[in-house]
């Protein structure tokens, strides 16, 4: 589990850096994937990641609080995307990929970077 959190923190750091430095290019890259695949199928990804994080939180005590909170949020996101109103989910998706300003992407990337850095510092 320690290796999982180590890789997850590196993923958070790299994705956060990409969002801060190359916000429009990152959005364009991910947009193609999210519009090709049914969003109900994509609900499995955050739900599975959340489950792994909740289980891992009890195995790796250094990141317990952060992993538990992020895991519960990911589980909630997966459940909402799977069972929520489709029109509302599509509106949020369209807003993120079409209307959200560059500052929103950069702040989101900064938050991801900081979460990954915090997790990595607690692990090392």
Protein backbone atom coordinates (compact mmCIF):
# COMPACT_ATOMS: atom_id res chain seq x y z
CA UNK A 1 0.00 0.00 0.00
CA UNK A 2 2.89 2.33 0.65
CA UNK A 3 3.92 2.01 -2.99
CA UNK A 4 0.37 2.81 -4.10
CA UNK A 5 0.37 6.06 -2.14
CA UNK A 6 3.85 6.89 -3.38
CA UNK A 7 2.72 6.48 -7.02
CA UNK A 8 -0.52 8.33 -6.32
CA UNK A 9 1.35 11.29 -4.85
CA UNK A 10 3.63 11.41 -7.90
CA UNK A 11 0.55 11.28 -10.15
CA UNK A 12 -1.05 14.17 -8.22
CA UNK A 13 2.16 16.19 -8.49
CA UNK A 14 2.56 15.58 -12.22
CA UNK A 15 -1.10 16.24 -13.11
CA UNK A 16 -1.14 19.34 -10.92
CA UNK A 17 2.02 20.63 -12.60
CA UNK A 18 0.55 20.00 -16.04
CA UNK A 19 -2.63 21.89 -15.11
CA UNK A 20 -0.67 24.85 -13.81
CA UNK A 21 1.83 25.10 -16.66
CA UNK A 22 -0.21 23.86 -19.63
CA UNK A 23 -3.81 24.38 -18.58
CA UNK A 24 -5.47 24.61 -22.01
CA UNK A 25 -3.44 21.78 -23.52
CA UNK A 26 -4.20 19.54 -20.53
CA UNK A 27 -7.90 20.32 -20.77
CA UNK A 28 -7.93 19.57 -24.51
CA UNK A 29 -6.15 16.26 -23.98
CA UNK A 30 -8.57 15.06 -21.31
CA UNK A 31 -11.65 16.48 -23.08
CA UNK A 32 -11.39 13.95 -25.91
CA UNK A 33 -11.39 11.04 -23.49
CA UNK A 34 -14.33 12.29 -21.41
CA UNK A 35 -16.53 12.94 -24.43
CA UNK A 36 -15.80 9.57 -26.07
CA UNK A 37 -16.56 7.38 -23.04
CA UNK A 38 -19.95 7.20 -21.30
CA UNK A 39 -19.70 9.09 -18.02
CA UNK A 40 -21.53 6.29 -16.17
CA UNK A 41 -18.62 3.98 -16.97
CA UNK A 42 -16.17 6.62 -15.78
CA UNK A 43 -17.80 6.49 -12.34
CA UNK A 44 -15.87 3.27 -11.71
CA UNK A 45 -12.52 5.11 -11.70
CA UNK A 46 -13.11 7.47 -8.76
CA UNK A 47 -15.04 4.80 -6.87
CA UNK A 48 -12.22 2.26 -7.23
CA UNK A 49 -9.58 4.85 -6.36
CA UNK A 50 -11.62 5.95 -3.34
CA UNK A 51 -12.00 2.39 -2.12
CA UNK A 52 -8.27 1.78 -2.45
CA UNK A 53 -7.52 5.00 -0.60
CA UNK A 54 -9.89 4.19 2.27
CA UNK A 55 -8.44 0.70 2.63
CA UNK A 56 -4.91 2.04 2.31
CA UNK A 57 -5.54 4.72 4.91
CA UNK A 58 -5.78 2.03 7.56
CA UNK A 59 -2.64 0.29 6.29
CA UNK A 60 -0.37 3.34 6.03
CA UNK A 61 -0.81 5.46 9.14
CA UNK A 62 1.35 8.38 7.95
CA UNK A 63 -1.28 9.46 5.41
CA UNK A 64 -4.34 8.27 7.32
CA UNK A 65 -6.25 11.55 7.55
CA UNK A 66 -5.57 12.77 4.02
CA UNK A 67 -6.13 9.37 2.43
CA UNK A 68 -9.36 8.79 4.34
CA UNK A 69 -10.82 12.19 3.42
CA UNK A 70 -9.78 11.95 -0.24
CA UNK A 71 -11.00 8.35 -0.39
CA UNK A 72 -14.43 9.22 0.97
CA UNK A 73 -14.69 12.17 -1.44
CA UNK A 74 -13.72 9.92 -4.36
CA UNK A 75 -16.29 7.31 -3.32
CA UNK A 76 -18.95 10.04 -3.12
CA UNK A 77 -17.96 11.36 -6.53
CA UNK A 78 -18.16 7.88 -8.05
CA UNK A 79 -21.60 7.29 -6.53
CA UNK A 80 -22.85 10.69 -7.71
CA UNK A 81 -21.61 10.19 -11.27
CA UNK A 82 -23.08 6.68 -11.36
CA UNK A 83 -26.48 7.49 -9.90
CA UNK A 84 -26.91 11.28 -10.18
CA UNK A 85 -29.08 13.16 -12.65
CA UNK A 86 -27.45 12.81 -16.09
CA UNK A 87 -28.35 16.32 -17.26
CA UNK A 88 -26.66 17.91 -14.24
CA UNK A 89 -23.53 15.76 -14.59
CA UNK A 90 -23.27 16.66 -18.28
CA UNK A 91 -23.65 20.37 -17.46
CA UNK A 92 -20.80 20.18 -14.96
CA UNK A 93 -18.66 18.27 -17.46
CA UNK A 94 -19.42 20.81 -20.19
CA UNK A 95 -18.66 23.70 -17.83
CA UNK A 96 -15.29 22.22 -16.85
CA UNK A 97 -14.19 21.52 -20.42
CA UNK A 98 -15.73 24.53 -22.18
CA UNK A 99 -16.38 27.43 -19.82
CA UNK A 100 -14.11 27.22 -16.78
CA UNK A 101 -11.53 29.95 -16.84
CA UNK A 102 -7.81 29.37 -16.95
CA UNK A 103 -7.48 30.56 -13.35
CA UNK A 104 -9.85 27.79 -12.21
CA UNK A 105 -7.67 25.20 -13.94
CA UNK A 106 -4.50 26.62 -12.48
CA UNK A 107 -5.88 26.77 -8.94
CA UNK A 108 -7.15 23.19 -9.30
CA UNK A 109 -3.70 22.15 -10.48
CA UNK A 110 -2.07 23.95 -7.56
CA UNK A 111 -4.36 22.16 -5.11
CA UNK A 112 -3.56 18.80 -6.72
CA UNK A 113 0.16 19.58 -6.59
CA UNK A 114 -0.02 20.53 -2.90
CA UNK A 115 -2.01 17.40 -1.99
CA UNK A 116 0.52 15.22 -3.80
CA UNK A 117 3.45 17.02 -2.20
CA UNK A 118 1.90 16.68 1.27
CA UNK A 119 1.27 12.97 0.76
CA UNK A 120 4.79 12.43 -0.55
CA UNK A 121 6.38 14.34 2.33
CA UNK A 122 4.49 12.26 4.89
CA UNK A 123 5.57 9.05 3.18
CA UNK A 124 9.26 9.89 2.92
